[in-house]
Amino acid sequence: QSWGQMVPAFEKLRRDPYWQKNPSYKAVLEAPSHAHTPGYPGPLTPAAAEVVATNVLTDLCARVIVEGWDVERALEEADKRIRDIYATVPSR
């Protein structure tokens, strides 16, 4: 079973006893304070959202962890994909 994958958006709900009973939930409850919109620290733009929607950063990690790529090679590929997206998708 998988528990605690959803976290309440409101602080009051995070204080519910359900979230306090398991010490592992502490990290889950802190996650929203570390979350940022795509494009951060800049504004959310269609181009930034496209980077997320096309899994560029997820693929970057998978190339290294699953496929055994060198980190530099994976970064170069991700950088090219991001630059291509920003060249073709509106950034405002």
PDB file of N, CA and C in Angstrom:
ATOM      1  N   GLN A   1       0.828  -1.169   0.000  1.00  0.00           N
ATOM      2  CA  GLN A   1       0.000   0.000   0.000  1.00  0.00           C
ATOM      3  C   GLN A   1       0.878   1.239   0.000  1.00  0.00           C
ATOM      4  N   SER A   2       0.325   2.291  -0.506  1.00  0.00           N
ATOM      5  CA  SER A   2       1.047   3.552  -0.557  1.00  0.00           C
ATOM      6  C   SER A   2       0.245   4.612   0.190  1.00  0.00           C
ATOM      7  N   TRP A   3       0.847   5.183   1.204  1.00  0.00           N
ATOM      8  CA  TRP A   3       0.152   6.170   2.034  1.00  0.00           C
ATOM      9  C   TRP A   3       0.887   7.500   1.971  1.00  0.00           C
ATOM     10  N   GLY A   4       0.144   8.565   2.142  1.00  0.00           N
ATOM     11  CA  GLY A   4       0.748   9.877   2.298  1.00  0.00           C
ATOM     12  C   GLY A   4       1.256  10.527   1.032  1.00  0.00           C
ATOM     13  N   GLN A   5       0.754  10.140  -0.111  1.00  0.00           N
ATOM     14  CA  GLN A   5       1.227  10.749  -1.349  1.00  0.00           C
ATOM     15  C   GLN A   5       0.559  12.082  -1.635  1.00  0.00           C
ATOM     16  N   MET A   6      -0.535  12.347  -0.998  1.00  0.00           N
ATOM     17  CA  MET A   6      -1.237  13.617  -1.170  1.00  0.00           C
ATOM     18  C   MET A   6      -1.051  14.395   0.120  1.00  0.00           C
ATOM     19  N   VAL A   7      -0.846  15.672  -0.007  1.00  0.00           N
ATOM     20  CA  VAL A   7      -0.685  16.493   1.187  1.00  0.00           C
ATOM     21  C   VAL A   7      -1.721  17.612   1.152  1.00  0.00           C
ATOM     22  N   PRO A   8      -2.359  17.885   2.279  1.00  0.00           N
ATOM     23  CA  PRO A   8      -3.342  18.961   2.298  1.00  0.00           C
ATOM     24  C   PRO A   8      -2.707  20.308   1.954  1.00  0.00           C
ATOM     25  N   ALA A   9      -3.427  21.105   1.213  1.00  0.00           N
ATOM     26  CA  ALA A   9      -2.917  22.411   0.810  1.00  0.00           C
ATOM     27  C   ALA A   9      -2.980  23.428   1.941  1.00  0.00           C
ATOM     28  N   PHE A  10      -3.862  23.216   2.893  1.00  0.00           N
ATOM     29  CA  PHE A  10      -4.057  24.196   3.953  1.00  0.00           C
ATOM     30  C   PHE A  10      -3.403  23.736   5.252  1.00  0.00           C
ATOM     31  N   GLU A  11      -2.718  24.663   5.902  1.00  0.00           N
ATOM     32  CA  GLU A  11      -2.006  24.368   7.144  1.00  0.00           C
ATOM     33  C   GLU A  11      -2.912  23.721   8.191  1.00  0.00           C
ATOM     34  N   LYS A  12      -4.123  24.218   8.330  1.00  0.00           N
ATOM     35  CA  LYS A  12      -5.047  23.673   9.332  1.00  0.00           C
ATOM     36  C   LYS A  12      -5.274  22.175   9.110  1.00  0.00           C
ATOM     37  N   LEU A  13      -5.410  21.770   7.865  1.00  0.00           N
ATOM     38  CA  LEU A  13      -5.635  20.353   7.561  1.00  0.00           C
ATOM     39  C   LEU A  13      -4.384  19.520   7.803  1.00  0.00           C
ATOM     40  N   ARG A  14      -3.207  20.131   7.666  1.00  0.00           N
ATOM     41  CA  ARG A  14      -1.963  19.401   7.921  1.00  0.00           C
ATOM     42  C   ARG A  14      -1.802  19.048   9.394  1.00  0.00           C
ATOM     43  N   ARG A  15      -2.510  19.751  10.260  1.00  0.00           N
ATOM     44  CA  ARG A  15      -2.439  19.467  11.698  1.00  0.00           C
ATOM     45  C   ARG A  15      -3.397  18.349  12.111  1.00  0.00           C
ATOM     46  N   ASP A  16      -4.149  17.810  11.174  1.00  0.00           N
ATOM     47  CA  ASP A  16      -5.057  16.705  11.471  1.00  0.00           C
ATOM     48  C   ASP A  16      -4.249  15.533  12.046  1.00  0.00           C
ATOM     49  N   PRO A  17      -4.790  14.824  13.042  1.00  0.00           N
ATOM     50  CA  PRO A  17      -4.077  13.701  13.659  1.00  0.00           C
ATOM     51  C   PRO A  17      -3.585  12.651  12.662  1.00  0.00           C
ATOM     52  N   TYR A  18      -4.298  12.475  11.564  1.00  0.00           N
ATOM     53  CA  TYR A  18      -3.857  11.496  10.553  1.00  0.00           C
ATOM     54  C   TYR A  18      -2.421  11.771  10.117  1.00  0.00           C
ATOM     55  N   TRP A  19      -2.100  13.035   9.892  1.00  0.00           N
ATOM     56  CA  TRP A  19      -0.779  13.403   9.387  1.00  0.00           C
ATOM     57  C   TRP A  19       0.287  13.400  10.472  1.00  0.00           C
ATOM     58  N   GLN A  20      -0.119  13.349  11.728  1.00  0.00           N
ATOM     59  CA  GLN A  20       0.830  13.380  12.835  1.00  0.00           C
ATOM     60  C   GLN A  20       1.207  11.983  13.319  1.00  0.00           C
ATOM     61  N   LYS A  21       0.431  10.972  12.935  1.00  0.00           N
ATOM     62  CA  LYS A  21       0.629   9.636  13.504  1.00  0.00           C
ATOM     63  C   LYS A  21       1.850   8.902  12.948  1.00  0.00           C
ATOM     64  N   ASN A  22       2.330   9.286  11.805  1.00  0.00           N
ATOM     65  CA  ASN A  22       3.458   8.596  11.188  1.00  0.00           C
ATOM     66  C   ASN A  22       4.610   9.581  11.012  1.00  0.00           C
ATOM     67  N   PRO A  23       5.762   9.342  11.650  1.00  0.00           N
ATOM     68  CA  PRO A  23       6.884  10.275  11.543  1.00  0.00           C
ATOM     69  C   PRO A  23       7.375  10.468  10.099  1.00  0.00           C
ATOM     70  N   SER A  24       7.119   9.503   9.252  1.00  0.00           N
ATOM     71  CA  SER A  24       7.550   9.616   7.856  1.00  0.00           C
ATOM     72  C   SER A  24       6.800  10.708   7.106  1.00  0.00           C
ATOM     73  N   TYR A  25       5.639  11.093   7.611  1.00  0.00           N
ATOM     74  CA  TYR A  25       4.849  12.120   6.933  1.00  0.00           C
ATOM     75  C   TYR A  25       5.448  13.513   7.095  1.00  0.00           C
ATOM     76  N   LYS A  26       6.404  13.678   8.010  1.00  0.00           N
ATOM     77  CA  LYS A  26       6.991  14.997   8.248  1.00  0.00           C
ATOM     78  C   LYS A  26       7.535  15.589   6.947  1.00  0.00           C
ATOM     79  N   ALA A  27       8.266  14.795   6.185  1.00  0.00           N
ATOM     80  CA  ALA A  27       8.822  15.285   4.920  1.00  0.00           C
ATOM     81  C   ALA A  27       7.719  15.636   3.934  1.00  0.00           C
ATOM     82  N   VAL A  28       6.663  14.841   3.923  1.00  0.00           N
ATOM     83  CA  VAL A  28       5.538  15.112   3.024  1.00  0.00           C
ATOM     84  C   VAL A  28       4.888  16.439   3.389  1.00  0.00           C
ATOM     85  N   LEU A  29       4.725  16.668   4.679  1.00  0.00           N
ATOM     86  CA  LEU A  29       4.082  17.900   5.133  1.00  0.00           C
ATOM     87  C   LEU A  29       4.937  19.135   4.857  1.00  0.00           C
ATOM     88  N   GLU A  30       6.246  18.955   4.782  1.00  0.00           N
ATOM     89  CA  GLU A  30       7.141  20.080   4.506  1.00  0.00           C
ATOM     90  C   GLU A  30       7.288  20.350   3.012  1.00  0.00           C
ATOM     91  N   ALA A  31       6.892  19.415   2.182  1.00  0.00           N
ATOM     92  CA  ALA A  31       7.085  19.543   0.732  1.00  0.00           C
ATOM     93  C   ALA A  31       6.509  20.823   0.140  1.00  0.00           C
ATOM     94  N   PRO A  32       5.287  21.232   0.502  1.00  0.00           N
ATOM     95  CA  PRO A  32       4.750  22.452  -0.119  1.00  0.00           C
ATOM     96  C   PRO A  32       5.611  23.693   0.099  1.00  0.00           C
ATOM     97  N   SER A  33       6.340  23.748   1.201  1.00  0.00           N
ATOM     98  CA  SER A  33       7.173  24.929   1.448  1.00  0.00           C
ATOM     99  C   SER A  33       8.396  24.959   0.537  1.00  0.00           C
ATOM    100  N   HIS A  34       8.683  23.862  -0.134  1.00  0.00           N
ATOM    101  CA  HIS A  34       9.827  23.795  -1.045  1.00  0.00           C
ATOM    102  C   HIS A  34       9.403  23.756  -2.512  1.00  0.00           C
ATOM    103  N   ALA A  35       8.111  23.775  -2.759  1.00  0.00           N
ATOM    104  CA  ALA A  35       7.600  23.652  -4.129  1.00  0.00           C
ATOM    105  C   ALA A  35       7.624  25.001  -4.850  1.00  0.00           C
ATOM    106  N   HIS A  36       7.862  24.941  -6.131  1.00  0.00           N
ATOM    107  CA  HIS A  36       7.873  26.143  -6.963  1.00  0.00           C
ATOM    108  C   HIS A  36       7.158  25.841  -8.274  1.00  0.00           C
ATOM    109  N   THR A  37       6.630  26.871  -8.891  1.00  0.00           N
ATOM    110  CA  THR A  37       6.004  26.698 -10.197  1.00  0.00           C
ATOM    111  C   THR A  37       7.082  26.548 -11.263  1.00  0.00           C
ATOM    112  N   PRO A  38       6.763  25.924 -12.394  1.00  0.00           N
ATOM    113  CA  PRO A  38       7.732  25.836 -13.488  1.00  0.00           C
ATOM    114  C   PRO A  38       8.201  27.236 -13.886  1.00  0.00           C
ATOM    115  N   GLY A  39       9.493  27.367 -14.116  1.00  0.00           N
ATOM    116  CA  GLY A  39      10.059  28.650 -14.501  1.00  0.00           C
ATOM    117  C   GLY A  39      10.628  29.442 -13.346  1.00  0.00           C
ATOM    118  N   TYR A  40      10.398  28.978 -12.114  1.00  0.00           N
ATOM    119  CA  TYR A  40      10.889  29.684 -10.936  1.00  0.00           C
ATOM    120  C   TYR A  40      12.396  29.878 -11.034  1.00  0.00           C
ATOM    121  N   PRO A  41      12.943  31.009 -10.706  1.00  0.00           N
ATOM    122  CA  PRO A  41      12.342  32.118  -9.980  1.00  0.00           C
ATOM    123  C   PRO A  41      11.618  33.121 -10.870  1.00  0.00           C
ATOM    124  N   GLY A  42      11.556  32.850 -12.150  1.00  0.00           N
ATOM    125  CA  GLY A  42      10.794  33.714 -13.040  1.00  0.00           C
ATOM    126  C   GLY A  42       9.327  33.336 -13.022  1.00  0.00           C
ATOM    127  N   PRO A  43       8.556  33.941 -13.908  1.00  0.00           N
ATOM    128  CA  PRO A  43       7.120  33.656 -13.944  1.00  0.00           C
ATOM    129  C   PRO A  43       6.819  32.311 -14.619  1.00  0.00           C
ATOM    130  N   LEU A  44       5.645  31.798 -14.345  1.00  0.00           N
ATOM    131  CA  LEU A  44       5.164  30.609 -15.043  1.00  0.00           C
ATOM    132  C   LEU A  44       4.830  31.019 -16.470  1.00  0.00           C
ATOM    133  N   THR A  45       5.436  30.358 -17.433  1.00  0.00           N
ATOM    134  CA  THR A  45       5.217  30.680 -18.839  1.00  0.00           C
ATOM    135  C   THR A  45       4.844  29.413 -19.591  1.00  0.00           C
ATOM    136  N   PRO A  46       4.276  29.556 -20.797  1.00  0.00           N
ATOM    137  CA  PRO A  46       3.999  28.358 -21.597  1.00  0.00           C
ATOM    138  C   PRO A  46       5.261  27.529 -21.856  1.00  0.00           C
ATOM    139  N   ALA A  47       6.384  28.192 -22.087  1.00  0.00           N
ATOM    140  CA  ALA A  47       7.625  27.455 -22.350  1.00  0.00           C
ATOM    141  C   ALA A  47       8.061  26.665 -21.115  1.00  0.00           C
ATOM    142  N   ALA A  48       8.001  27.285 -19.951  1.00  0.00           N
ATOM    143  CA  ALA A  48       8.377  26.586 -18.719  1.00  0.00           C
ATOM    144  C   ALA A  48       7.450  25.400 -18.473  1.00  0.00           C
ATOM    145  N   ALA A  49       6.164  25.597 -18.698  1.00  0.00           N
ATOM    146  CA  ALA A  49       5.202  24.508 -18.526  1.00  0.00           C
ATOM    147  C   ALA A  49       5.465  23.381 -19.525  1.00  0.00           C
ATOM    148  N   GLU A  50       5.886  23.726 -20.727  1.00  0.00           N
ATOM    149  CA  GLU A  50       6.194  22.710 -21.745  1.00  0.00           C
ATOM    150  C   GLU A  50       7.397  21.866 -21.337  1.00  0.00           C
ATOM    151  N   VAL A  51       8.381  22.478 -20.701  1.00  0.00           N
ATOM    152  CA  VAL A  51       9.536  21.721 -20.203  1.00  0.00           C
ATOM    153  C   VAL A  51       9.063  20.649 -19.223  1.00  0.00           C
ATOM    154  N   VAL A  52       8.154  21.022 -18.346  1.00  0.00           N
ATOM    155  CA  VAL A  52       7.614  20.058 -17.379  1.00  0.00           C
ATOM    156  C   VAL A  52       6.752  19.015 -18.088  1.00  0.00           C
ATOM    157  N   ALA A  53       5.873  19.465 -18.969  1.00  0.00           N
ATOM    158  CA  ALA A  53       4.929  18.565 -19.639  1.00  0.00           C
ATOM    159  C   ALA A  53       5.621  17.527 -20.511  1.00  0.00           C
ATOM    160  N   THR A  54       6.783  17.866 -21.044  1.00  0.00           N
ATOM    161  CA  THR A  54       7.507  16.921 -21.900  1.00  0.00           C
ATOM    162  C   THR A  54       8.571  16.133 -21.134  1.00  0.00           C
ATOM    163  N   ASN A  55       8.540  16.236 -19.810  1.00  0.00           N
ATOM    164  CA  ASN A  55       9.398  15.418 -18.939  1.00  0.00           C
ATOM    165  C   ASN A  55      10.892  15.594 -19.167  1.00  0.00           C
ATOM    166  N   VAL A  56      11.307  16.784 -19.527  1.00  0.00           N
ATOM    167  CA  VAL A  56      12.733  17.004 -19.778  1.00  0.00           C
ATOM    168  C   VAL A  56      13.564  16.665 -18.541  1.00  0.00           C
ATOM    169  N   LEU A  57      13.174  17.164 -17.390  1.00  0.00           N
ATOM    170  CA  LEU A  57      13.969  16.937 -16.182  1.00  0.00           C
ATOM    171  C   LEU A  57      13.852  15.505 -15.681  1.00  0.00           C
ATOM    172  N   THR A  58      12.684  14.901 -15.847  1.00  0.00           N
ATOM    173  CA  THR A  58      12.521  13.495 -15.487  1.00  0.00           C
ATOM    174  C   THR A  58      13.397  12.625 -16.375  1.00  0.00           C
ATOM    175  N   ASP A  59      13.389  12.923 -17.666  1.00  0.00           N
ATOM    176  CA  ASP A  59      14.227  12.174 -18.604  1.00  0.00           C
ATOM    177  C   ASP A  59      15.707  12.345 -18.281  1.00  0.00           C
ATOM    178  N   LEU A  60      16.095  13.539 -17.868  1.00  0.00           N
ATOM    179  CA  LEU A  60      17.487  13.796 -17.491  1.00  0.00           C
ATOM    180  C   LEU A  60      17.922  12.813 -16.410  1.00  0.00           C
ATOM    181  N   CYS A  61      17.123  12.690 -15.372  1.00  0.00           N
ATOM    182  CA  CYS A  61      17.450  11.761 -14.285  1.00  0.00           C
ATOM    183  C   CYS A  61      17.444  10.312 -14.762  1.00  0.00           C
ATOM    184  N   ALA A  62      16.458   9.957 -15.569  1.00  0.00           N
ATOM    185  CA  ALA A  62      16.352   8.579 -16.060  1.00  0.00           C
ATOM    186  C   ALA A  62      17.534   8.205 -16.948  1.00  0.00           C
ATOM    187  N   ARG A  63      18.004   9.154 -17.738  1.00  0.00           N
ATOM    188  CA  ARG A  63      19.160   8.866 -18.603  1.00  0.00           C
ATOM    189  C   ARG A  63      20.357   8.418 -17.762  1.00  0.00           C
ATOM    190  N   VAL A  64      20.568   9.090 -16.642  1.00  0.00           N
ATOM    191  CA  VAL A  64      21.713   8.776 -15.788  1.00  0.00           C
ATOM    192  C   VAL A  64      21.460   7.523 -14.957  1.00  0.00           C
ATOM    193  N   ILE A  65      20.322   7.484 -14.278  1.00  0.00           N
ATOM    194  CA  ILE A  65      20.057   6.406 -13.321  1.00  0.00           C
ATOM    195  C   ILE A  65      19.698   5.092 -13.999  1.00  0.00           C
ATOM    196  N   VAL A  66      18.832   5.140 -14.997  1.00  0.00           N
ATOM    197  CA  VAL A  66      18.341   3.915 -15.628  1.00  0.00           C
ATOM    198  C   VAL A  66      19.203   3.500 -16.815  1.00  0.00           C
ATOM    199  N   GLU A  67      19.530   4.487 -17.656  1.00  0.00           N
ATOM    200  CA  GLU A  67      20.236   4.164 -18.892  1.00  0.00           C
ATOM    201  C   GLU A  67      21.754   4.241 -18.769  1.00  0.00           C
ATOM    202  N   GLY A  68      22.253   4.739 -17.642  1.00  0.00           N
ATOM    203  CA  GLY A  68      23.686   4.764 -17.411  1.00  0.00           C
ATOM    204  C   GLY A  68      24.454   5.845 -18.154  1.00  0.00           C
ATOM    205  N   TRP A  69      23.757   6.889 -18.599  1.00  0.00           N
ATOM    206  CA  TRP A  69      24.437   7.974 -19.299  1.00  0.00           C
ATOM    207  C   TRP A  69      25.367   8.709 -18.341  1.00  0.00           C
ATOM    208  N   ASP A  70      26.405   9.299 -18.899  1.00  0.00           N
ATOM    209  CA  ASP A  70      27.259  10.216 -18.167  1.00  0.00           C
ATOM    210  C   ASP A  70      26.430  11.459 -17.826  1.00  0.00           C
ATOM    211  N   VAL A  71      26.633  12.018 -16.652  1.00  0.00           N
ATOM    212  CA  VAL A  71      25.852  13.181 -16.216  1.00  0.00           C
ATOM    213  C   VAL A  71      25.985  14.335 -17.204  1.00  0.00           C
ATOM    214  N   GLU A  72      27.189  14.596 -17.655  1.00  0.00           N
ATOM    215  CA  GLU A  72      27.409  15.719 -18.581  1.00  0.00           C
ATOM    216  C   GLU A  72      26.616  15.530 -19.876  1.00  0.00           C
ATOM    217  N   ARG A  73      26.604  14.321 -20.393  1.00  0.00           N
ATOM    218  CA  ARG A  73      25.850  14.039 -21.622  1.00  0.00           C
ATOM    219  C   ARG A  73      24.352  14.270 -21.399  1.00  0.00           C
ATOM    220  N   ALA A  74      23.836  13.794 -20.272  1.00  0.00           N
ATOM    221  CA  ALA A  74      22.413  13.969 -19.971  1.00  0.00           C
ATOM    222  C   ALA A  74      22.070  15.446 -19.799  1.00  0.00           C
ATOM    223  N   LEU A  75      22.943  16.197 -19.146  1.00  0.00           N
ATOM    224  CA  LEU A  75      22.720  17.640 -18.985  1.00  0.00           C
ATOM    225  C   LEU A  75      22.725  18.356 -20.327  1.00  0.00           C
ATOM    226  N   GLU A  76      23.640  17.969 -21.195  1.00  0.00           N
ATOM    227  CA  GLU A  76      23.699  18.596 -22.525  1.00  0.00           C
ATOM    228  C   GLU A  76      22.418  18.329 -23.310  1.00  0.00           C
ATOM    229  N   GLU A  77      21.923  17.091 -23.241  1.00  0.00           N
ATOM    230  CA  GLU A  77      20.683  16.777 -23.942  1.00  0.00           C
ATOM    231  C   GLU A  77      19.519  17.592 -23.374  1.00  0.00           C
ATOM    232  N   ALA A  78      19.410  17.644 -22.057  1.00  0.00           N
ATOM    233  CA  ALA A  78      18.328  18.403 -21.422  1.00  0.00           C
ATOM    234  C   ALA A  78      18.436  19.883 -21.773  1.00  0.00           C
ATOM    235  N   ASP A  79      19.637  20.410 -21.750  1.00  0.00           N
ATOM    236  CA  ASP A  79      19.844  21.822 -22.094  1.00  0.00           C
ATOM    237  C   ASP A  79      19.387  22.100 -23.525  1.00  0.00           C
ATOM    238  N   LYS A  80      19.727  21.211 -24.446  1.00  0.00           N
ATOM    239  CA  LYS A  80      19.308  21.396 -25.840  1.00  0.00           C
ATOM    240  C   LYS A  80      17.787  21.348 -25.960  1.00  0.00           C
ATOM    241  N   ARG A  81      17.166  20.374 -25.290  1.00  0.00           N
ATOM    242  CA  ARG A  81      15.705  20.272 -25.348  1.00  0.00           C
ATOM    243  C   ARG A  81      15.037  21.523 -24.779  1.00  0.00           C
ATOM    244  N   ILE A  82      15.566  22.020 -23.675  1.00  0.00           N
ATOM    245  CA  ILE A  82      14.997  23.228 -23.068  1.00  0.00           C
ATOM    246  C   ILE A  82      15.175  24.421 -23.995  1.00  0.00           C
ATOM    247  N   ARG A  83      16.355  24.570 -24.570  1.00  0.00           N
ATOM    248  CA  ARG A  83      16.587  25.685 -25.503  1.00  0.00           C
ATOM    249  C   ARG A  83      15.669  25.583 -26.723  1.00  0.00           C
ATOM    250  N   ASP A  84      15.472  24.376 -27.233  1.00  0.00           N
ATOM    251  CA  ASP A  84      14.565  24.187 -28.374  1.00  0.00           C
ATOM    252  C   ASP A  84      13.130  24.575 -28.000  1.00  0.00           C
ATOM    253  N   ILE A  85      12.709  24.190 -26.812  1.00  0.00           N
ATOM    254  CA  ILE A  85      11.357  24.545 -26.361  1.00  0.00           C
ATOM    255  C   ILE A  85      11.223  26.053 -26.249  1.00  0.00           C
ATOM    256  N   TYR A  86      12.176  26.698 -25.611  1.00  0.00           N
ATOM    257  CA  TYR A  86      12.095  28.154 -25.438  1.00  0.00           C
ATOM    258  C   TYR A  86      12.201  28.895 -26.767  1.00  0.00           C
ATOM    259  N   ALA A  87      12.802  28.257 -27.777  1.00  0.00           N
ATOM    260  CA  ALA A  87      12.900  28.889 -29.098  1.00  0.00           C
ATOM    261  C   ALA A  87      11.590  28.790 -29.878  1.00  0.00           C
ATOM    262  N   THR A  88      10.739  27.825 -29.524  1.00  0.00           N
ATOM    263  CA  THR A  88       9.526  27.602 -30.318  1.00  0.00           C
ATOM    264  C   THR A  88       8.215  27.840 -29.571  1.00  0.00           C
ATOM    265  N   VAL A  89       8.254  27.833 -28.252  1.00  0.00           N
ATOM    266  CA  VAL A  89       7.041  28.015 -27.449  1.00  0.00           C
ATOM    267  C   VAL A  89       7.104  29.399 -26.807  1.00  0.00           C
ATOM    268  N   PRO A  90       6.000  30.122 -26.803  1.00  0.00           N
ATOM    269  CA  PRO A  90       6.016  31.460 -26.200  1.00  0.00           C
ATOM    270  C   PRO A  90       6.514  31.426 -24.751  1.00  0.00           C
ATOM    271  N   SER A  91       7.377  32.373 -24.430  1.00  0.00           N
ATOM    272  CA  SER A  91       7.904  32.431 -23.065  1.00  0.00           C
ATOM    273  C   SER A  91       7.246  33.551 -22.261  1.00  0.00           C
ATOM    274  N   ARG A  92       6.142  34.065 -22.769  1.00  0.00           N
ATOM    275  CA  ARG A  92       5.388  35.104 -22.041  1.00  0.00           C
ATOM    276  C   ARG A  92       3.918  34.792 -22.094  1.00  0.00           C
TER     277      ARG A  92
END
